[in-house]
Amino acid sequence: MEGSSPVIDGAFWVTSASILTLLVLSAYFSGSETALTAASRGKLRAQAEKGSKGAAKALEITEDNERLIGSVLLGNNLVNILAASLATAMFTRLFGESGVALATLIMTLLVLIFAEVLPKTYAITNSETAASRTAPIIVYVIKVFAPIVAMVRWLVRGVLSLFGVKIDPDSHILAVREEIAGALYLGHSEGVVEKEDRDRILGALDLGERAVEEIMLHRSQIEMIDAESDPEAILRQCLKSNHTRLPVYRNDPDNIIGVVHAKDLLRAMHKLVTGPNASLDALDRFDVCSVARKPYFVPETTTLDDQMRQFLRMRSHFALVVDEYGTLEGLITLEDILEEIVGEITDEFDDDEELPVEQTTDNNFLVDGAMTIRDLNRATDWTLPDEEANTIAGLVIHEAQIIPVVGQVFSFHGFRFEVVEVKDNRITRLKIRPL
């Protein structure tokens, strides 16, 4: 009894208490690091706007993740190394040389369980709450270790630059869209997010990266009014058309001189027929250009996001698309852009056309050749590339390098393409099956 008392004395209890305190600090640093790096900045900002000072601090210190992680890791390593050193000294005093191995084993278990796994598990499951609570204290840790972290930061960047690695402090900002898209795809695969909801959000995110030429109505499909036609023929054409706005040309379809709105045309003609000076002769002398509005032209490279803003600013829904030489390429409407977000919009005046994608019983898909690759990917969850062509027919022609004939079969990008219909050198119908 007398021989053991000098070993288990006051110094033993002080050392034990110090090790326990250091383990608590290690757990705090580990949990803080995980919470602050795993917390959603969107949720933290929402909490900060509601008055949470902790969330505001967490947002502030996570602006510079490199400095945050450097400070927390420095503090964590300091307390872990000091705790291991004290434990080794204490166990060596108690058990001699075998105390080193015993101290290593015990401290490894204590650090692993109580200073790493336990706090990090809590931080991951309650990341925003933990980040808000720990941020006000971590701010002072960052200030204390700022000089050392700055030196380590400079050294790390120097070493990485030797291997050609560049550090971009704004990379997390640029990756926001990819994070949202990844979360949506993951949520859809797990059944949490519906496919329609995923497509709507991704469609809105993609507006800034897509040009009007990708979704415009091609010039070959545009209904136009010839300014030289007689008024009765023009009226008949407008009444028969499903569109309320029709471009007006003179002599050459490329020479667009205006855009007629059906309401303007009907009002003007109704006034000629029922007005105070009404006469059929006045109707025969009617000039469609008198009610035509000034045409609005946009470059084919304009992004959908910019074009939608222009439509809203100008209070217009209709634009003609031209190429770099001023040649008419097609037209685009506000409805076309909205359809990229919410999907196909139809009303009671739209024709009951056949579906652009129709799945057959033998797992083949009958696809309209004019359907865009992006719309096909959205409808089927495929990943066909759309860098070289906008439409599925264009993709087949690009890959085949020829104008295919009916019955020809091609295989590329993991799919089998069979040409079903061709009209005027245009592929109008395809049968597609994943290989």
Protein backbone atom coordinates (compact mmCIF):
# COMPACT_ATOMS: atom_id res chain seq x y z
CA MET A 1 0.00 0.00 0.00
CA GLU A 2 2.80 2.36 0.95
CA GLY A 3 4.68 1.51 -2.28
CA SER A 4 1.75 2.47 -4.53
CA SER A 5 0.77 5.72 -2.87
CA PRO A 6 3.64 7.82 -4.31
CA VAL A 7 2.54 6.77 -7.85
CA ILE A 8 -1.18 7.48 -7.50
CA ASP A 9 -0.79 10.92 -5.98
CA GLY A 10 -2.02 14.41 -6.70
CA ALA A 11 -0.07 14.60 -9.97
CA PHE A 12 -1.89 11.48 -11.22
CA TRP A 13 -5.30 13.04 -10.69
CA VAL A 14 -4.24 16.36 -12.20
CA THR A 15 -2.88 14.56 -15.26
CA SER A 16 -6.03 12.46 -15.58
CA ALA A 17 -8.22 15.54 -15.35
CA SER A 18 -6.05 17.28 -17.95
CA ILE A 19 -6.35 14.34 -20.35
CA LEU A 20 -10.13 14.29 -19.89
CA THR A 21 -10.33 18.04 -20.56
CA LEU A 22 -8.18 17.68 -23.67
CA LEU A 23 -10.45 14.88 -24.94
CA VAL A 24 -13.47 17.15 -24.49
CA LEU A 25 -11.70 19.89 -26.44
CA SER A 26 -10.77 17.38 -29.15
CA ALA A 27 -14.41 16.29 -29.40
CA TYR A 28 -15.45 19.93 -29.64
CA PHE A 29 -13.00 20.68 -32.47
CA SER A 30 -13.94 17.51 -34.37
CA GLY A 31 -17.66 18.15 -34.08
CA SER A 32 -17.25 21.83 -35.00
CA GLU A 33 -15.27 21.00 -38.13
CA THR A 34 -17.88 18.49 -39.31
CA ALA A 35 -20.85 20.72 -38.46
CA LEU A 36 -19.47 23.84 -40.15
CA THR A 37 -18.43 22.02 -43.33
CA ALA A 38 -21.58 19.88 -43.58
CA ALA A 39 -24.13 22.57 -42.76
CA SER A 40 -26.25 23.84 -45.64
CA ARG A 41 -25.49 27.49 -46.34
CA GLY A 42 -29.02 27.92 -47.62
CA LYS A 43 -30.52 26.74 -44.32
CA LEU A 44 -28.03 28.82 -42.32
CA ARG A 45 -28.96 31.91 -44.33
CA ALA A 46 -32.66 31.25 -43.70
CA GLN A 47 -31.98 30.99 -39.96
CA ALA A 48 -29.82 34.13 -40.03
CA GLU A 49 -32.62 36.08 -41.72
CA LYS A 50 -34.91 34.99 -38.87
CA GLY A 51 -32.50 36.54 -36.35
CA SER A 52 -30.14 33.68 -35.43
CA LYS A 53 -26.78 35.26 -34.55
CA GLY A 54 -25.09 31.86 -34.44
CA ALA A 55 -26.18 31.08 -38.00
CA ALA A 56 -24.93 34.50 -39.12
CA LYS A 57 -21.53 33.78 -37.55
CA ALA A 58 -21.46 30.34 -39.15
CA LEU A 59 -22.11 31.91 -42.56
CA GLU A 60 -19.35 34.44 -41.96
CA ILE A 61 -16.63 31.96 -41.02
CA THR A 62 -17.54 29.43 -43.72
CA GLU A 63 -16.90 32.07 -46.40
CA ASP A 64 -13.24 31.06 -46.12
CA ASN A 65 -13.25 27.28 -45.62
CA GLU A 66 -9.50 27.02 -45.96
CA ARG A 67 -8.88 29.32 -42.98
CA LEU A 68 -11.66 27.64 -40.96
CA ILE A 69 -10.39 24.11 -41.50
CA GLY A 70 -6.78 25.15 -40.86
CA SER A 71 -7.64 26.73 -37.51
CA VAL A 72 -9.86 23.86 -36.31
CA LEU A 73 -7.38 21.18 -37.38
CA LEU A 74 -4.55 23.06 -35.69
CA GLY A 75 -6.48 23.19 -32.43
CA ASN A 76 -7.58 19.56 -32.75
CA ASN A 77 -4.06 18.28 -33.37
CA LEU A 78 -2.63 20.32 -30.53
CA VAL A 79 -5.01 18.88 -27.95
CA ASN A 80 -4.73 15.31 -29.31
CA ILE A 81 -0.93 15.32 -29.27
CA LEU A 82 -0.82 16.92 -25.81
CA ALA A 83 -3.34 14.37 -24.46
CA ALA A 84 -1.32 11.47 -25.93
CA SER A 85 1.91 12.86 -24.45
CA LEU A 86 0.40 13.25 -20.98
CA ALA A 87 -1.11 9.75 -21.13
CA THR A 88 2.24 8.24 -22.18
CA ALA A 89 4.05 10.00 -19.32
CA MET A 90 1.44 8.93 -16.77
CA PHE A 91 1.28 5.27 -17.91
CA THR A 92 5.07 5.05 -18.07
CA ARG A 93 5.22 6.26 -14.49
CA LEU A 94 2.62 3.67 -13.48
CA PHE A 95 3.73 0.63 -15.50
CA GLY A 96 7.24 1.35 -16.69
CA GLU A 97 8.23 0.73 -20.32
CA SER A 98 5.07 -1.27 -21.06
CA GLY A 99 3.07 1.86 -20.29
CA VAL A 100 3.89 3.29 -23.76
CA ALA A 101 2.00 0.52 -25.56
CA LEU A 102 -0.84 0.65 -23.04
CA ALA A 103 -1.13 4.44 -23.36
CA THR A 104 -1.21 4.15 -27.16
CA LEU A 105 -3.99 1.55 -27.07
CA ILE A 106 -6.16 3.36 -24.51
CA MET A 107 -5.75 6.81 -26.06
CA THR A 108 -6.50 5.47 -29.55
CA LEU A 109 -9.78 4.02 -28.33
CA LEU A 110 -10.71 7.12 -26.32
CA VAL A 111 -9.90 9.53 -29.16
CA LEU A 112 -11.61 7.36 -31.78
CA ILE A 113 -14.85 6.87 -29.85
CA PHE A 114 -15.29 10.01 -27.78
CA ALA A 115 -13.31 12.61 -29.74
CA GLU A 116 -14.04 11.57 -33.35
CA VAL A 117 -16.93 9.20 -34.05
CA LEU A 118 -19.36 10.40 -31.36
CA PRO A 119 -19.10 14.20 -31.94
CA LYS A 120 -18.95 13.86 -35.73
CA THR A 121 -21.99 11.60 -35.79
CA TYR A 122 -23.95 14.19 -33.80
CA ALA A 123 -22.64 17.02 -36.00
CA ILE A 124 -23.69 15.29 -39.21
CA THR A 125 -27.21 14.57 -37.98
CA ASN A 126 -27.67 18.10 -36.56
CA SER A 127 -25.28 20.09 -38.73
CA GLU A 128 -27.11 23.46 -38.87
CA THR A 129 -27.94 23.46 -35.13
CA ALA A 130 -24.40 22.43 -34.16
CA ALA A 131 -22.85 24.97 -36.53
CA SER A 132 -24.96 27.79 -35.08
CA ARG A 133 -23.98 26.87 -31.52
CA THR A 134 -20.28 26.39 -32.14
CA ALA A 135 -19.61 29.27 -34.54
CA PRO A 136 -19.42 32.09 -31.92
CA ILE A 137 -16.58 30.25 -30.15
CA ILE A 138 -14.77 29.09 -33.30
CA VAL A 139 -14.54 32.76 -34.34
CA TYR A 140 -12.09 33.37 -31.46
CA VAL A 141 -10.17 30.18 -32.26
CA ILE A 142 -9.67 31.44 -35.82
CA LYS A 143 -8.41 34.82 -34.52
CA VAL A 144 -5.95 33.20 -32.09
CA PHE A 145 -4.49 30.81 -34.66
CA ALA A 146 -4.65 33.31 -37.56
CA PRO A 147 -0.86 33.96 -37.84
CA ILE A 148 0.05 30.25 -37.76
CA VAL A 149 -2.75 29.33 -40.16
CA ALA A 150 -1.66 32.05 -42.59
CA MET A 151 1.86 30.66 -42.62
CA VAL A 152 0.63 27.08 -43.09
CA ARG A 153 -1.75 28.26 -45.80
CA TRP A 154 1.08 29.93 -47.70
CA LEU A 155 3.22 26.80 -47.38
CA VAL A 156 0.39 24.48 -48.53
CA ARG A 157 -0.39 26.60 -51.57
CA GLY A 158 3.28 26.70 -52.47
CA VAL A 159 3.57 22.92 -52.32
CA LEU A 160 0.37 22.40 -54.33
CA SER A 161 1.50 24.88 -56.99
CA LEU A 162 4.59 22.72 -57.56
CA PHE A 163 2.21 19.97 -58.73
CA GLY A 164 0.10 22.33 -60.86
CA VAL A 165 -2.84 22.50 -58.43
CA LYS A 166 -4.51 25.91 -58.25
CA ILE A 167 -6.71 26.92 -55.32
CA ASP A 168 -9.89 28.78 -56.28
CA PRO A 169 -11.53 30.40 -53.23
CA ASP A 170 -14.79 30.92 -55.17
CA SER A 171 -15.10 27.32 -56.37
CA HIS A 172 -17.91 26.57 -53.89
CA ILE A 173 -19.94 29.41 -55.36
CA LEU A 174 -19.50 28.14 -58.89
CA ALA A 175 -20.50 24.62 -57.86
CA VAL A 176 -23.90 25.61 -56.42
CA ARG A 177 -25.79 24.60 -59.56
CA GLU A 178 -24.06 21.22 -59.69
CA GLU A 179 -24.90 20.65 -56.03
CA ILE A 180 -28.57 21.44 -56.63
CA ALA A 181 -28.71 19.22 -59.71
CA GLY A 182 -26.97 16.38 -57.88
CA ALA A 183 -29.35 16.68 -54.94
CA LEU A 184 -32.36 16.57 -57.27
CA TYR A 185 -31.11 13.49 -59.11
CA LEU A 186 -30.31 11.78 -55.81
CA GLY A 187 -33.72 12.70 -54.40
CA HIS A 188 -35.45 11.36 -57.51
CA SER A 189 -33.50 8.09 -57.40
CA GLU A 190 -34.53 7.64 -53.75
CA GLY A 191 -38.18 8.44 -54.47
CA VAL A 192 -38.23 11.68 -52.48
CA VAL A 193 -38.43 14.07 -55.47
CA GLU A 194 -40.93 13.53 -58.28
CA LYS A 195 -39.58 13.46 -61.84
CA GLU A 196 -41.81 16.40 -62.86
CA ASP A 197 -40.53 18.53 -59.96
CA ARG A 198 -36.94 17.65 -60.78
CA ASP A 199 -37.39 18.55 -64.46
CA ARG A 200 -39.04 21.89 -63.63
CA ILE A 201 -36.23 23.01 -61.34
CA LEU A 202 -33.48 21.81 -63.68
CA GLY A 203 -35.26 23.48 -66.60
CA ALA A 204 -35.21 26.81 -64.76
CA LEU A 205 -31.53 26.38 -63.89
CA ASP A 206 -30.64 25.62 -67.52
CA LEU A 207 -32.18 28.78 -69.01
CA GLY A 208 -28.91 30.69 -68.68
CA GLU A 209 -26.95 28.00 -70.53
CA ARG A 210 -29.22 27.46 -73.54
CA ALA A 211 -29.68 29.62 -76.63
CA VAL A 212 -32.90 30.50 -78.43
CA GLU A 213 -31.77 28.57 -81.52
CA GLU A 214 -32.15 25.33 -79.54
CA ILE A 215 -35.90 25.70 -79.00
CA MET A 216 -37.06 28.12 -81.71
CA LEU A 217 -39.67 27.16 -84.30
CA HIS A 218 -37.75 26.66 -87.55
CA ARG A 219 -38.56 29.01 -90.43
CA SER A 220 -39.89 26.12 -92.50
CA GLN A 221 -42.75 25.75 -90.00
CA ILE A 222 -43.64 29.43 -89.61
CA GLU A 223 -47.03 30.62 -90.84
CA MET A 224 -46.65 33.97 -92.64
CA ILE A 225 -48.93 36.53 -94.24
CA ASP A 226 -48.12 37.89 -97.68
CA ALA A 227 -48.71 41.64 -97.60
CA GLU A 228 -49.80 41.54 -101.25
CA SER A 229 -52.65 39.10 -100.62
CA ASP A 230 -56.20 40.43 -100.75
CA PRO A 231 -57.80 41.32 -97.38
CA GLU A 232 -60.34 38.49 -97.55
CA ALA A 233 -57.59 35.88 -97.97
CA ILE A 234 -55.64 37.42 -95.09
CA LEU A 235 -58.72 37.34 -92.85
CA ARG A 236 -59.42 33.74 -93.81
CA GLN A 237 -55.81 32.77 -93.06
CA CYS A 238 -55.87 34.43 -89.62
CA LEU A 239 -59.17 32.78 -88.68
CA LYS A 240 -57.90 29.38 -89.78
CA SER A 241 -54.57 29.69 -87.96
CA ASN A 242 -54.09 28.44 -84.39
CA HIS A 243 -51.74 31.37 -83.68
CA THR A 244 -52.69 34.89 -82.64
CA ARG A 245 -49.53 36.52 -84.06
CA LEU A 246 -48.37 36.06 -87.65
CA PRO A 247 -45.34 37.66 -89.36
CA VAL A 248 -46.03 39.74 -92.48
CA TYR A 249 -43.61 39.70 -95.43
CA ARG A 250 -43.48 41.46 -98.79
CA ASN A 251 -42.10 39.80 -101.95
CA ASP A 252 -39.64 37.57 -100.07
CA PRO A 253 -40.30 35.53 -96.87
CA ASP A 254 -36.98 36.85 -95.56
CA ASN A 255 -38.29 40.40 -95.88
CA ILE A 256 -40.37 40.58 -92.70
CA ILE A 257 -42.04 43.99 -92.45
CA GLY A 258 -44.23 43.47 -89.41
CA VAL A 259 -46.21 41.20 -87.11
CA VAL A 260 -50.01 41.11 -87.13
CA HIS A 261 -51.99 40.33 -84.00
CA ALA A 262 -55.35 38.69 -84.73
CA LYS A 263 -57.13 41.11 -82.38
CA ASP A 264 -55.72 44.15 -84.18
CA LEU A 265 -56.72 42.72 -87.55
CA LEU A 266 -60.27 41.86 -86.48
CA ARG A 267 -60.80 45.24 -84.80
CA ALA A 268 -59.65 47.11 -87.93
CA MET A 269 -61.78 45.01 -90.30
CA HIS A 270 -64.80 45.19 -88.00
CA LYS A 271 -64.54 48.97 -87.97
CA LEU A 272 -64.45 49.07 -91.79
CA VAL A 273 -67.56 46.91 -92.02
CA THR A 274 -69.67 48.33 -89.16
CA GLY A 275 -68.25 51.85 -88.72
CA PRO A 276 -69.92 55.11 -89.79
CA ASN A 277 -68.27 54.95 -93.23
CA ALA A 278 -68.65 51.20 -93.63
CA SER A 279 -68.46 49.76 -97.13
CA LEU A 280 -67.22 46.65 -98.85
CA ASP A 281 -65.00 48.82 -101.04
CA ALA A 282 -63.19 50.06 -97.93
CA LEU A 283 -62.60 46.46 -96.89
CA ASP A 284 -61.18 45.64 -100.30
CA ARG A 285 -58.75 48.54 -100.00
CA PHE A 286 -57.63 47.45 -96.53
CA ASP A 287 -53.82 47.39 -96.06
CA VAL A 288 -52.64 44.80 -93.57
CA CYS A 289 -49.48 46.84 -92.94
CA SER A 290 -51.62 49.51 -91.26
CA VAL A 291 -52.26 47.20 -88.29
CA ALA A 292 -48.91 45.37 -88.34
CA ARG A 293 -46.62 46.02 -85.42
CA LYS A 294 -42.89 46.56 -85.72
CA PRO A 295 -41.07 43.19 -85.86
CA TYR A 296 -38.74 42.32 -83.00
CA PHE A 297 -35.56 40.50 -84.04
CA VAL A 298 -33.16 38.67 -81.73
CA PRO A 299 -29.84 36.89 -82.40
CA GLU A 300 -29.92 33.10 -82.40
CA THR A 301 -27.20 33.02 -79.71
CA THR A 302 -29.28 34.88 -77.10
CA THR A 303 -29.71 32.82 -73.93
CA LEU A 304 -33.20 31.80 -72.89
CA ASP A 305 -32.77 33.56 -69.56
CA ASP A 306 -31.88 36.88 -71.23
CA GLN A 307 -34.66 36.48 -73.78
CA MET A 308 -37.28 35.85 -71.12
CA ARG A 309 -36.16 39.00 -69.29
CA GLN A 310 -36.41 40.95 -72.55
CA PHE A 311 -39.92 39.65 -73.17
CA LEU A 312 -41.02 40.71 -69.70
CA ARG A 313 -39.35 44.12 -69.97
CA MET A 314 -40.81 44.86 -73.41
CA ARG A 315 -44.22 43.36 -72.57
CA SER A 316 -43.91 41.24 -75.67
CA HIS A 317 -44.38 37.49 -76.27
CA PHE A 318 -43.06 37.11 -79.80
CA ALA A 319 -39.63 37.48 -81.45
CA LEU A 320 -38.10 36.55 -84.79
CA VAL A 321 -34.71 34.82 -84.66
CA VAL A 322 -31.96 35.77 -87.12
CA ASP A 323 -28.42 34.52 -87.68
CA GLU A 324 -25.24 36.57 -87.85
CA TYR A 325 -26.04 37.58 -91.45
CA GLY A 326 -29.55 38.79 -90.57
CA THR A 327 -31.24 35.83 -92.27
CA LEU A 328 -34.46 34.62 -90.70
CA GLU A 329 -33.90 31.35 -88.85
CA GLY A 330 -37.11 30.94 -86.88
CA LEU A 331 -39.26 32.45 -84.18
CA ILE A 332 -39.53 32.13 -80.44
CA THR A 333 -42.29 33.00 -77.98
CA LEU A 334 -42.48 33.43 -74.23
CA GLU A 335 -44.54 30.23 -74.15
CA ASP A 336 -41.65 28.31 -75.74
CA ILE A 337 -39.35 29.38 -72.91
CA LEU A 338 -41.92 28.59 -70.22
CA GLU A 339 -42.37 25.11 -71.74
CA GLU A 340 -38.70 24.44 -71.01
CA ILE A 341 -39.59 24.73 -67.33
CA VAL A 342 -43.12 23.37 -66.95
CA GLY A 343 -43.31 21.09 -69.98
CA GLU A 344 -45.65 21.18 -72.99
CA ILE A 345 -48.43 23.78 -72.74
CA THR A 346 -51.56 23.11 -74.80
CA ASP A 347 -54.94 24.78 -75.05
CA GLU A 348 -58.27 24.16 -76.75
CA PHE A 349 -57.00 25.50 -80.07
CA ASP A 350 -53.96 23.22 -80.33
CA ASP A 351 -54.18 20.29 -82.72
CA ASP A 352 -54.37 16.79 -81.29
CA GLU A 353 -51.01 15.74 -82.64
CA GLU A 354 -49.48 12.37 -81.99
CA LEU A 355 -47.13 12.13 -79.05
CA PRO A 356 -43.48 12.93 -79.89
CA VAL A 357 -42.40 9.86 -77.86
CA GLU A 358 -44.39 6.63 -77.87
CA GLN A 359 -43.19 3.43 -76.21
CA THR A 360 -44.06 0.19 -77.97
CA THR A 361 -44.65 -3.21 -76.44
CA ASP A 362 -41.21 -4.47 -77.54
CA ASN A 363 -39.39 -1.77 -75.50
CA ASN A 364 -38.77 0.44 -78.55
CA PHE A 365 -39.53 4.16 -78.62
CA LEU A 366 -41.11 5.82 -81.65
CA VAL A 367 -39.73 9.37 -81.67
CA ASP A 368 -40.54 12.41 -83.80
CA GLY A 369 -37.35 13.40 -85.64
CA ALA A 370 -37.90 17.09 -84.86
CA MET A 371 -37.95 16.44 -81.11
CA THR A 372 -35.03 18.04 -79.30
CA ILE A 373 -32.48 15.77 -77.69
CA ARG A 374 -32.95 17.54 -74.37
CA ASP A 375 -36.71 16.93 -74.38
CA LEU A 376 -36.13 13.27 -75.25
CA ASN A 377 -33.63 12.92 -72.40
CA ARG A 378 -36.11 14.52 -70.00
CA ALA A 379 -38.94 12.25 -71.12
CA THR A 380 -36.94 9.01 -70.94
CA ASP A 381 -34.13 9.81 -68.44
CA TRP A 382 -31.53 9.07 -71.14
CA THR A 383 -28.22 10.89 -71.52
CA LEU A 384 -27.87 11.35 -75.27
CA PRO A 385 -25.35 14.13 -76.05
CA ASP A 386 -26.69 17.43 -77.40
CA GLU A 387 -23.43 19.24 -78.13
CA GLU A 388 -23.39 18.56 -81.88
CA ALA A 389 -27.12 18.68 -82.69
CA ASN A 390 -30.36 20.05 -81.23
CA THR A 391 -32.82 17.46 -82.56
CA ILE A 392 -32.72 13.69 -82.50
CA ALA A 393 -32.82 13.63 -86.32
CA GLY A 394 -29.85 15.99 -86.38
CA LEU A 395 -27.94 13.69 -84.05
CA VAL A 396 -28.52 10.69 -86.33
CA ILE A 397 -27.42 12.63 -89.42
CA HIS A 398 -24.34 13.95 -87.59
CA GLU A 399 -23.28 10.50 -86.49
CA ALA A 400 -24.15 8.76 -89.79
CA GLN A 401 -22.60 11.51 -91.94
CA ILE A 402 -25.27 10.81 -94.59
CA ILE A 403 -28.97 11.45 -95.23
CA PRO A 404 -30.41 8.07 -94.20
CA VAL A 405 -33.18 6.25 -96.02
CA VAL A 406 -36.13 4.38 -94.54
CA GLY A 407 -35.06 1.13 -92.92
CA GLN A 408 -31.44 2.04 -92.20
CA VAL A 409 -30.21 1.15 -88.72
CA PHE A 410 -27.41 2.81 -86.75
CA SER A 411 -25.90 2.13 -83.34
CA PHE A 412 -24.09 4.77 -81.30
CA HIS A 413 -24.02 6.18 -77.77
CA GLY A 414 -25.44 2.89 -76.48
CA PHE A 415 -28.66 3.06 -78.53
CA ARG A 416 -30.06 1.50 -81.69
CA PHE A 417 -31.62 3.97 -84.15
CA GLU A 418 -33.88 2.81 -86.98
CA VAL A 419 -35.16 5.29 -89.56
CA VAL A 420 -38.94 4.83 -89.91
CA GLU A 421 -40.00 7.84 -91.99
CA VAL A 422 -38.17 10.32 -94.22
CA LYS A 423 -39.73 13.35 -95.97
CA ASP A 424 -37.87 15.81 -98.21
CA ASN A 425 -34.49 14.60 -96.92
CA ARG A 426 -35.70 15.09 -93.33
CA ILE A 427 -35.97 12.27 -90.82
CA THR A 428 -39.49 12.58 -89.48
CA ARG A 429 -39.80 9.36 -87.45
CA LEU A 430 -37.29 7.14 -85.66
CA LYS A 431 -37.43 3.94 -83.67
CA ILE A 432 -34.95 3.97 -80.77
CA ARG A 433 -34.02 1.22 -78.37
CA PRO A 434 -31.32 1.16 -75.66
CA LEU A 435 -28.74 -1.52 -76.35
